[in-house]
Amino acid sequence: MRLNVNYPVTQGRLVLRTADDWARDVEPVERSPRGAVFELSLATTTLELKPVLRVGDEVLWAKGSNYVVNAHEPERDLWPCFFGSEQGRVTEVRRVEHAGVAHSVRVYLPPGYDDNTLRCFPVIYMQDGQNLFFPEEAFMGVEWRVDETMDRLAQMNAIRKVIVVGVRPDDRMREYTKPGYDGYARFLVERLKPLIDAEYRTRPEAEETVIMGSSLGGVAALHVAWSHPEIFGRAACLSSTFGVYDDLFERIEREPKKPLVIYMDSGWPKDNYGATNAMRDLLRSKGFTLGVDLLQFSFPEGLHSERSWSERIHVPFQFFFGRAWLAQRGQAW
């Protein structure tokens, strides 16, 4: 297999160490200032390995868990980091104004963001940003633990690393329901996303941009994606109150299928279970296919609560950014 190790080498040289012999350097077949290329012949189905940066006599191992490659993948890209923390970081609150309304925004930057400057990242825009990162800001003191979950999935090499933008609503009831969610969508499309793309190393394409929320925030997420699929190509809607303060059922019924990938879930029995199933069936009638561009789960005893959502956010994260889903669509890791 061909292994592309992408790292801005300013000192030393890149080599590999593998489970075949952790003490032996595997030299690349190509080198450049942007990394190195290795050709591997696997004697077994899988092989554990790690990039190593050799600086004189010093051996610097890539941060995090070992990578595992397998004999059935002809090519793989790695984006190692050698310096800094193995945890991501969350920025300070920033106020972003648009059309006379200001929103508080925090940004989660994944592990290695500051070290491996060659890498650009997909972005998830999440509603109810006050509940995502810190218990002292969250409703009833219960946060979603988004940063901890992202760090753990990165440590597992289970997903691509992702930037998360948490947006606190100015007026939740107004912005996440009809007609106020039209103005909220304009804030995201016209102001916030251009700002994030300008200031961070993002992958700005629609297929690399997710909007996500729970309850009314899930309604807002589907509204924004359905209205602007050229900007937000992915939507995750947890426990969404479809059909109460919105016109999504009517719009989706009369409009053509949009180029979206949608994740939906609910708890059972009292967590918008019926509304979520109805939206699933409507989307299927419009041409969405379960397991391809639509995924829906029902969680037994799942509750309409921050704690319940925090326990299952890894599912949409892996759906949108996990290796299996990306490989199915021929997208790069």
Protein backbone atom coordinates (compact mmCIF):
# COMPACT_ATOMS: atom_id res chain seq x y z
CA MET A 1 0.00 0.00 0.00
CA ARG A 2 0.97 3.63 -0.49
CA LEU A 3 1.09 5.72 2.67
CA ASN A 4 1.19 9.51 2.36
CA VAL A 5 2.40 11.15 5.57
CA ASN A 6 1.53 14.84 5.39
CA TYR A 7 3.53 17.09 7.71
CA PRO A 8 5.42 20.40 7.19
CA VAL A 9 8.96 19.23 7.87
CA THR A 10 11.09 22.21 8.92
CA GLN A 11 13.73 20.17 10.74
CA GLY A 12 14.81 16.54 10.68
CA ARG A 13 13.23 13.84 8.52
CA LEU A 14 10.15 11.65 8.55
CA VAL A 15 10.36 7.88 8.92
CA LEU A 16 7.94 5.16 10.01
CA ARG A 17 8.03 2.70 12.86
CA THR A 18 5.79 -0.36 12.61
CA ALA A 19 4.74 -3.35 14.70
CA ASP A 20 6.99 -5.52 12.52
CA ASP A 21 9.92 -3.97 14.41
CA TRP A 22 9.24 -0.90 16.57
CA ALA A 23 12.98 -0.18 16.83
CA ARG A 24 13.63 -0.04 13.06
CA ASP A 25 13.17 3.00 10.83
CA VAL A 26 11.22 2.49 7.61
CA GLU A 27 12.50 5.01 5.08
CA PRO A 28 10.22 6.74 2.56
CA VAL A 29 10.40 6.35 -1.20
CA GLU A 30 9.76 10.09 -1.64
CA ARG A 31 10.39 13.17 0.49
CA SER A 32 9.24 16.77 0.19
CA PRO A 33 8.77 19.80 2.48
CA ARG A 34 5.14 18.67 2.77
CA GLY A 35 5.91 15.17 4.05
CA ALA A 36 6.93 11.76 2.79
CA VAL A 37 5.56 8.79 0.85
CA PHE A 38 6.03 5.19 1.98
CA GLU A 39 5.42 1.92 0.16
CA LEU A 40 4.40 -0.92 2.48
CA SER A 41 3.92 -4.62 1.91
CA LEU A 42 1.71 -6.07 4.61
CA ALA A 43 2.42 -9.65 5.65
CA THR A 44 -0.77 -9.73 7.73
CA THR A 45 -4.25 -8.27 7.34
CA THR A 46 -3.52 -5.24 9.52
CA LEU A 47 -0.42 -3.38 10.64
CA GLU A 48 0.06 -0.91 13.48
CA LEU A 49 2.42 1.95 12.79
CA LYS A 50 3.45 5.45 13.73
CA PRO A 51 5.21 8.26 11.89
CA VAL A 52 8.41 9.37 13.57
CA LEU A 53 10.31 12.63 13.20
CA ARG A 54 14.07 12.08 13.45
CA VAL A 55 15.88 15.27 14.53
CA GLY A 56 19.54 14.36 14.92
CA ASP A 57 19.65 11.57 17.49
CA GLU A 58 16.22 12.51 18.86
CA VAL A 59 13.24 10.32 18.02
CA LEU A 60 9.89 12.12 18.18
CA TRP A 61 6.87 9.83 17.91
CA ALA A 62 3.60 11.12 16.50
CA LYS A 63 1.10 12.08 19.18
CA GLY A 64 -1.86 9.86 19.97
CA SER A 65 -2.65 6.21 19.42
CA ASN A 66 -1.05 3.98 16.82
CA TYR A 67 -2.48 4.09 13.32
CA VAL A 68 -3.76 0.79 11.92
CA VAL A 69 -3.67 0.18 8.17
CA ASN A 70 -5.00 -2.90 6.41
CA ALA A 71 -4.14 -4.91 3.35
CA HIS A 72 -7.39 -4.00 1.58
CA GLU A 73 -6.74 -0.25 1.28
CA PRO A 74 -4.41 0.65 -1.60
CA GLU A 75 -3.63 4.16 -0.32
CA ARG A 76 -3.95 6.11 2.90
CA ASP A 77 -3.23 9.68 4.01
CA LEU A 78 -1.97 10.44 7.52
CA TRP A 79 -1.73 13.87 9.14
CA PRO A 80 0.44 13.37 12.23
CA CYS A 81 1.35 15.87 14.92
CA PHE A 82 4.53 15.81 16.98
CA PHE A 83 4.23 18.85 19.23
CA GLY A 84 1.59 20.29 21.55
CA SER A 85 -1.29 18.70 23.39
CA GLU A 86 -3.25 15.58 22.51
CA GLN A 87 -6.41 17.49 23.43
CA GLY A 88 -8.19 20.04 21.32
CA ARG A 89 -8.87 23.53 22.60
CA VAL A 90 -11.94 25.73 22.84
CA THR A 91 -11.60 29.44 22.08
CA GLU A 92 -12.87 32.25 24.24
CA VAL A 93 -16.37 33.58 23.58
CA ARG A 94 -16.60 35.89 20.61
CA ARG A 95 -19.55 38.14 19.79
CA VAL A 96 -20.50 38.11 16.11
CA GLU A 97 -23.03 40.66 14.89
CA HIS A 98 -25.33 40.58 11.88
CA ALA A 99 -28.43 42.65 11.06
CA GLY A 100 -28.44 44.21 14.51
CA VAL A 101 -28.25 40.89 16.42
CA ALA A 102 -25.14 39.58 18.18
CA HIS A 103 -24.43 35.90 18.85
CA SER A 104 -21.88 34.40 21.24
CA VAL A 105 -19.61 31.92 19.46
CA ARG A 106 -16.98 29.46 20.66
CA VAL A 107 -14.79 27.37 18.34
CA TYR A 108 -13.33 23.95 19.12
CA LEU A 109 -10.03 23.34 17.33
CA PRO A 110 -8.96 19.68 17.19
CA PRO A 111 -5.69 18.23 18.50
CA GLY A 112 -2.74 19.19 16.33
CA TYR A 113 -4.46 22.15 14.69
CA ASP A 114 -1.54 24.46 15.52
CA ASP A 115 1.17 21.90 14.71
CA ASN A 116 0.26 20.35 11.36
CA THR A 117 -0.49 23.51 9.41
CA LEU A 118 -0.96 21.60 6.14
CA ARG A 119 -4.28 20.20 7.23
CA CYS A 120 -7.69 21.77 6.58
CA PHE A 121 -10.76 20.59 8.45
CA PRO A 122 -14.48 19.96 7.97
CA VAL A 123 -16.70 22.11 10.17
CA ILE A 124 -19.78 21.37 12.29
CA TYR A 125 -21.98 24.32 13.21
CA MET A 126 -23.89 23.40 16.37
CA GLN A 127 -26.91 25.17 17.84
CA ASP A 128 -27.29 25.94 21.56
CA GLY A 129 -23.56 26.60 21.83
CA GLN A 130 -23.86 27.33 25.55
CA ASN A 131 -24.50 23.62 26.20
CA LEU A 132 -21.58 22.14 24.29
CA PHE A 133 -18.32 22.64 26.17
CA PHE A 134 -18.55 23.87 29.78
CA PRO A 135 -20.93 22.82 32.59
CA GLU A 136 -20.95 26.31 34.10
CA GLU A 137 -22.53 27.62 30.88
CA ALA A 138 -24.87 24.70 30.17
CA PHE A 139 -28.53 24.22 31.01
CA MET A 140 -28.82 22.71 34.51
CA GLY A 141 -25.02 22.40 34.55
CA VAL A 142 -25.00 19.47 32.09
CA GLU A 143 -22.86 19.93 28.96
CA TRP A 144 -22.68 17.84 25.80
CA ARG A 145 -18.93 17.19 26.26
CA VAL A 146 -18.34 17.86 22.58
CA ASP A 147 -14.63 18.58 23.02
CA GLU A 148 -14.03 15.43 25.09
CA THR A 149 -15.96 13.29 22.60
CA MET A 150 -14.09 14.74 19.63
CA ASP A 151 -10.75 14.22 21.39
CA ARG A 152 -11.58 10.59 22.14
CA LEU A 153 -12.74 9.84 18.58
CA ALA A 154 -9.54 11.44 17.26
CA GLN A 155 -7.48 9.34 19.67
CA MET A 156 -9.26 6.25 18.34
CA ASN A 157 -8.56 7.35 14.74
CA ALA A 158 -12.28 6.73 14.30
CA ILE A 159 -13.07 9.98 12.47
CA ARG A 160 -11.35 12.76 10.64
CA LYS A 161 -10.55 15.63 12.96
CA VAL A 162 -13.18 18.36 12.81
CA ILE A 163 -13.63 22.00 13.79
CA VAL A 164 -16.80 22.65 15.82
CA VAL A 165 -18.47 26.07 15.94
CA GLY A 166 -20.88 26.47 18.85
CA VAL A 167 -23.46 29.22 18.35
CA ARG A 168 -25.51 30.52 21.27
CA PRO A 169 -28.92 31.82 20.17
CA ASP A 170 -29.90 35.40 20.87
CA ASP A 171 -33.55 34.35 21.26
CA ARG A 172 -33.93 30.58 20.96
CA MET A 173 -37.67 30.49 20.41
CA ARG A 174 -37.54 33.13 17.71
CA GLU A 175 -34.46 31.92 15.86
CA TYR A 176 -35.24 28.20 15.82
CA THR A 177 -38.88 28.50 14.67
CA LYS A 178 -40.89 29.95 11.78
CA PRO A 179 -40.47 32.69 10.60
CA GLY A 180 -37.46 33.71 12.69
CA TYR A 181 -35.31 30.85 11.48
CA ASP A 182 -35.04 32.56 8.09
CA GLY A 183 -33.07 35.42 9.67
CA TYR A 184 -30.98 32.96 11.65
CA ALA A 185 -30.12 31.11 8.43
CA ARG A 186 -29.00 34.39 6.85
CA PHE A 187 -26.73 35.04 9.84
CA LEU A 188 -25.05 31.65 9.36
CA VAL A 189 -24.79 31.90 5.58
CA GLU A 190 -23.92 35.56 5.14
CA ARG A 191 -21.90 36.31 8.27
CA LEU A 192 -20.70 33.43 10.40
CA LYS A 193 -19.59 30.82 7.86
CA PRO A 194 -17.60 33.34 5.75
CA LEU A 195 -15.93 34.55 8.95
CA ILE A 196 -14.98 31.04 10.08
CA ASP A 197 -13.70 30.10 6.62
CA ALA A 198 -11.56 33.27 6.52
CA GLU A 199 -10.01 32.83 9.96
CA TYR A 200 -9.50 29.06 10.23
CA ARG A 201 -8.16 26.31 7.98
CA THR A 202 -11.51 24.88 6.91
CA ARG A 203 -12.76 22.75 4.07
CA PRO A 204 -15.53 25.11 2.94
CA GLU A 205 -17.37 22.79 0.54
CA ALA A 206 -20.98 21.92 1.33
CA GLU A 207 -20.18 18.22 1.67
CA GLU A 208 -17.66 19.13 4.39
CA THR A 209 -20.03 21.40 6.33
CA VAL A 210 -22.52 20.06 8.88
CA ILE A 211 -25.23 21.89 10.81
CA MET A 212 -26.47 20.15 13.95
CA GLY A 213 -28.89 20.69 16.80
CA SER A 214 -31.34 19.12 19.20
CA SER A 215 -35.03 19.74 19.86
CA LEU A 216 -35.86 23.13 18.28
CA GLY A 217 -32.17 23.35 17.37
CA GLY A 218 -32.62 20.24 15.24
CA VAL A 219 -35.56 21.90 13.48
CA ALA A 220 -33.36 24.94 12.80
CA ALA A 221 -30.60 22.67 11.49
CA LEU A 222 -32.85 20.97 8.94
CA HIS A 223 -34.40 24.29 7.93
CA VAL A 224 -31.00 25.86 7.29
CA ALA A 225 -29.69 22.87 5.33
CA TRP A 226 -32.90 22.46 3.30
CA SER A 227 -32.87 26.20 2.47
CA HIS A 228 -29.12 26.36 1.70
CA PRO A 229 -27.87 22.92 0.59
CA GLU A 230 -25.14 24.61 -1.46
CA ILE A 231 -23.65 25.84 1.86
CA PHE A 232 -24.62 23.19 4.43
CA GLY A 233 -24.59 19.79 2.76
CA ARG A 234 -25.07 17.78 5.96
CA ALA A 235 -27.59 18.08 8.81
CA ALA A 236 -27.92 16.29 12.15
CA CYS A 237 -31.24 16.58 13.96
CA LEU A 238 -31.53 15.06 17.45
CA SER A 239 -34.93 14.75 19.14
CA SER A 240 -36.33 17.39 16.82
CA THR A 241 -39.78 18.93 17.37
CA PHE A 242 -40.77 18.67 13.72
CA GLY A 243 -44.18 20.03 12.84
CA VAL A 244 -44.83 22.17 15.93
CA TYR A 245 -43.38 25.61 15.21
CA ASP A 246 -42.18 25.09 11.64
CA ASP A 247 -43.38 24.34 8.12
CA LEU A 248 -40.81 21.68 7.24
CA PHE A 249 -43.30 18.88 6.54
CA GLU A 250 -45.17 21.06 4.06
CA ARG A 251 -42.05 22.41 2.35
CA ILE A 252 -40.30 19.07 2.00
CA GLU A 253 -43.52 17.53 0.65
CA ARG A 254 -43.85 20.09 -2.16
CA GLU A 255 -40.20 20.79 -3.01
CA PRO A 256 -37.77 18.57 -4.92
CA LYS A 257 -35.17 16.45 -3.14
CA LYS A 258 -32.13 18.42 -2.00
CA PRO A 259 -28.49 17.22 -2.26
CA LEU A 260 -28.16 16.59 1.48
CA VAL A 261 -27.04 13.89 3.85
CA ILE A 262 -29.24 13.82 6.95
CA TYR A 263 -28.92 12.18 10.36
CA MET A 264 -31.94 12.02 12.69
CA ASP A 265 -32.59 10.38 16.01
CA SER A 266 -35.00 10.33 18.93
CA GLY A 267 -35.49 8.60 22.23
CA TRP A 268 -38.41 6.35 23.00
CA PRO A 269 -41.15 6.73 24.06
CA LYS A 270 -41.39 10.48 24.81
CA ASP A 271 -38.66 12.19 22.84
CA ASN A 272 -40.32 13.28 19.57
CA TYR A 273 -40.26 9.66 18.47
CA GLY A 274 -43.35 9.89 16.25
CA ALA A 275 -42.38 13.17 14.61
CA THR A 276 -38.90 11.87 13.81
CA ASN A 277 -40.27 8.69 12.25
CA ALA A 278 -42.73 10.74 10.20
CA MET A 279 -39.93 12.96 8.91
CA ARG A 280 -37.87 9.88 8.06
CA ASP A 281 -40.71 8.44 6.00
CA LEU A 282 -41.32 11.75 4.24
CA LEU A 283 -37.65 12.04 3.31
CA ARG A 284 -37.66 8.47 2.01
CA SER A 285 -40.67 9.30 -0.15
CA LYS A 286 -38.63 12.15 -1.66
CA GLY A 287 -35.83 9.78 -2.67
CA PHE A 288 -33.53 9.65 0.35
CA THR A 289 -32.10 6.20 1.04
CA LEU A 290 -31.54 4.85 4.54
CA GLY A 291 -27.88 4.09 5.16
CA VAL A 292 -26.76 6.20 2.22
CA ASP A 293 -27.91 9.81 2.50
CA LEU A 294 -30.27 9.30 5.44
CA LEU A 295 -29.58 7.69 8.82
CA GLN A 296 -32.14 7.43 11.60
CA PHE A 297 -31.93 5.82 15.04
CA SER A 298 -34.36 5.35 17.91
CA PHE A 299 -32.78 5.03 21.37
CA PRO A 300 -34.74 2.97 23.92
CA GLU A 301 -35.34 5.06 27.05
CA GLY A 302 -33.57 7.99 25.40
CA LEU A 303 -34.54 11.25 27.08
CA HIS A 304 -35.05 14.81 25.90
CA SER A 305 -32.02 16.04 27.86
CA GLU A 306 -28.49 17.35 27.48
CA ARG A 307 -27.10 14.22 29.13
CA SER A 308 -28.87 11.88 26.72
CA TRP A 309 -27.71 13.88 23.72
CA SER A 310 -24.14 13.94 25.04
CA GLU A 311 -24.14 10.16 25.22
CA ARG A 312 -25.05 9.69 21.54
CA ILE A 313 -23.41 12.55 19.62
CA HIS A 314 -20.59 10.22 18.66
CA VAL A 315 -23.05 8.48 16.28
CA PRO A 316 -23.60 11.41 13.88
CA PHE A 317 -19.94 12.37 14.22
CA GLN A 318 -18.94 8.91 13.00
CA PHE A 319 -21.65 8.87 10.32
CA PHE A 320 -20.38 12.07 8.73
CA PHE A 321 -16.64 11.72 9.34
CA GLY A 322 -15.89 8.04 9.97
CA ARG A 323 -13.77 5.95 7.63
CA ALA A 324 -16.49 3.51 6.58
CA TRP A 325 -18.93 6.21 5.47
CA LEU A 326 -16.27 8.18 3.62
CA ALA A 327 -14.91 5.11 1.87
CA GLN A 328 -18.42 4.19 0.70
CA ARG A 329 -18.61 7.54 -1.09
CA GLY A 330 -15.04 7.60 -2.37
CA GLN A 331 -14.17 10.64 -0.27
CA ALA A 332 -10.67 11.27 1.02
CA TRP A 333 -9.85 10.54 4.63
